Amino acid sequence: MAVDPVCGMDVDEKTAQWKSEYKGKTYYFCAPGCKASFEKDPEKYLHGGDHHEHHGHH
């Protein structure tokens, strides 16, 4: 099983209707909306949301 990087659901690679390739790796989605969100901002989902976006160097 693959995991939808947007919503976290399990997606079966063999039956997945929506998939997207990014940096040589294929990601699978449970719905077209998840695929669209991922393609709009893939880094956001691959890095676990907001946790790594705030670089607090003062």
Protein backbone atom coordinates (compact mmCIF):
# COMPACT_ATOMS: atom_id res chain seq x y z
CA MET A 1 0.00 0.00 0.00
CA ALA A 2 1.02 3.58 -0.61
CA VAL A 3 0.03 6.49 1.58
CA ASP A 4 -1.70 9.53 0.15
CA PRO A 5 0.76 12.32 1.15
CA VAL A 6 -2.04 14.87 1.33
CA CYS A 7 -4.64 13.18 3.55
CA GLY A 8 -2.69 10.20 4.91
CA MET A 9 -5.06 7.55 3.62
CA ASP A 10 -3.83 4.16 2.40
CA VAL A 11 -4.04 3.84 -1.36
CA ASP A 12 -3.54 0.59 -3.26
CA GLU A 13 -0.96 1.19 -5.99
CA LYS A 14 -2.61 -1.40 -8.22
CA THR A 15 -5.99 0.30 -8.25
CA ALA A 16 -5.03 3.94 -7.66
CA GLN A 17 -6.68 6.20 -10.22
CA TRP A 18 -4.71 9.29 -9.31
CA LYS A 19 -0.96 9.40 -9.16
CA SER A 20 1.76 11.95 -9.63
CA GLU A 21 5.47 11.66 -10.14
CA TYR A 22 7.73 14.03 -8.27
CA LYS A 23 11.53 13.95 -8.22
CA GLY A 24 11.55 10.42 -9.63
CA LYS A 25 9.15 8.98 -7.04
CA THR A 26 5.51 8.14 -7.66
CA TYR A 27 2.87 9.25 -5.18
CA TYR A 28 -0.66 7.87 -5.08
CA PHE A 29 -3.86 9.68 -4.14
CA CYS A 30 -7.32 8.65 -3.03
CA ALA A 31 -9.03 11.54 -4.84
CA PRO A 32 -8.35 14.06 -7.61
CA GLY A 33 -8.47 16.90 -5.09
CA CYS A 34 -5.59 15.38 -3.15
CA LYS A 35 -3.56 15.04 -6.34
CA ALA A 36 -4.24 18.66 -7.28
CA SER A 37 -3.23 19.89 -3.82
CA PHE A 38 -0.01 17.90 -3.95
CA GLU A 39 0.92 19.12 -7.41
CA LYS A 40 0.28 22.72 -6.40
CA ASP A 41 2.70 22.54 -3.47
CA PRO A 42 4.44 19.15 -3.21
CA GLU A 43 7.11 20.24 -0.74
CA LYS A 44 4.44 21.25 1.75
CA TYR A 45 3.14 17.69 1.95
CA LEU A 46 6.45 15.88 1.76
CA HIS A 47 7.83 17.77 4.72
CA GLY A 48 4.90 17.09 7.01
CA GLY A 49 3.05 20.36 6.79
CA ASP A 50 4.24 23.44 8.63
CA HIS A 51 6.81 21.93 10.95
CA HIS A 52 9.84 22.53 8.76
CA GLU A 53 8.86 25.81 7.15
CA HIS A 54 9.74 28.07 10.04
CA HIS A 55 13.49 28.55 10.13
CA GLY A 56 13.96 30.62 13.25
CA HIS A 57 17.49 31.96 13.00
CA HIS A 58 17.71 35.23 14.91
